[in-house]
């Protein structure tokens, strides 16, 4: 597995989320409580809508 830099740690603050396109794939970065950044497929698997339209409370990512 390879990694692709899409932003800096200052671009996604704790408790926030941000959508990016990486090599033609939509991803959603979230910065969890404590500063850990995680990446998710940007489309909700059960509703087929953008996860960026949902909510992130710093712990849970919830689709709209």
Protein backbone atom coordinates (compact mmCIF):
# COMPACT_ATOMS: atom_id res chain seq x y z
CA UNK A 1 0.00 0.00 0.00
CA UNK A 2 1.29 3.45 -0.86
CA UNK A 3 0.47 6.79 0.68
CA UNK A 4 -0.40 10.04 -1.10
CA UNK A 5 -0.10 13.40 0.63
CA UNK A 6 -3.30 15.40 0.14
CA UNK A 7 -3.00 18.09 2.81
CA UNK A 8 -1.10 19.12 5.92
CA UNK A 9 -2.19 18.35 9.47
CA UNK A 10 -3.16 22.03 9.78
CA UNK A 11 -5.78 21.63 7.03
CA UNK A 12 -8.03 19.31 9.08
CA UNK A 13 -8.44 20.39 12.67
CA UNK A 14 -9.50 18.21 15.57
CA UNK A 15 -13.22 17.42 15.29
CA UNK A 16 -13.39 18.43 11.62
CA UNK A 17 -13.70 16.54 8.34
CA UNK A 18 -12.65 17.45 4.80
CA UNK A 19 -13.28 15.79 1.41
CA UNK A 20 -10.42 15.27 -1.08
CA UNK A 21 -9.91 13.60 -4.44
CA UNK A 22 -6.91 11.26 -4.52
CA UNK A 23 -5.92 9.60 -7.79
CA UNK A 24 -9.51 9.87 -9.02
CA UNK A 25 -11.03 8.49 -5.79
CA UNK A 26 -13.13 10.55 -3.38
CA UNK A 27 -11.90 10.27 0.22
CA UNK A 28 -12.98 11.94 3.44
CA UNK A 29 -10.40 12.82 6.08
CA UNK A 30 -11.48 13.25 9.68
CA UNK A 31 -9.42 14.43 12.61
CA UNK A 32 -10.65 12.58 15.68
CA UNK A 33 -10.46 13.79 19.26
CA UNK A 34 -6.79 13.62 20.19
CA UNK A 35 -5.62 14.63 16.71
CA UNK A 36 -5.57 11.24 14.95
CA UNK A 37 -6.37 11.63 11.24
CA UNK A 38 -8.30 8.86 9.50
CA UNK A 39 -9.34 8.44 5.86
CA UNK A 40 -12.63 6.94 4.66
CA UNK A 41 -14.23 6.24 1.32
CA UNK A 42 -16.21 9.45 0.80
CA UNK A 43 -19.49 7.76 -0.15
CA UNK A 44 -21.86 6.25 2.40
CA UNK A 45 -22.05 2.51 1.59
CA UNK A 46 -25.73 2.13 2.44
CA UNK A 47 -27.20 5.41 1.14
CA UNK A 48 -24.78 6.14 -1.73
CA UNK A 49 -24.43 9.81 -0.74
CA UNK A 50 -21.41 11.92 0.19
CA UNK A 51 -20.31 11.36 3.78
CA UNK A 52 -19.23 15.01 3.88
CA UNK A 53 -22.96 15.84 4.04
CA UNK A 54 -23.12 14.02 7.37
CA UNK A 55 -21.80 14.92 10.79
CA UNK A 56 -18.60 14.17 12.69
CA UNK A 57 -18.56 14.78 16.42
CA UNK A 58 -14.89 14.03 16.95
CA UNK A 59 -15.59 10.35 17.62
CA UNK A 60 -18.34 9.16 15.26
CA UNK A 61 -18.93 9.80 11.57
CA UNK A 62 -22.66 9.73 10.84
CA UNK A 63 -24.18 9.97 7.38
CA UNK A 64 -27.03 12.40 6.84
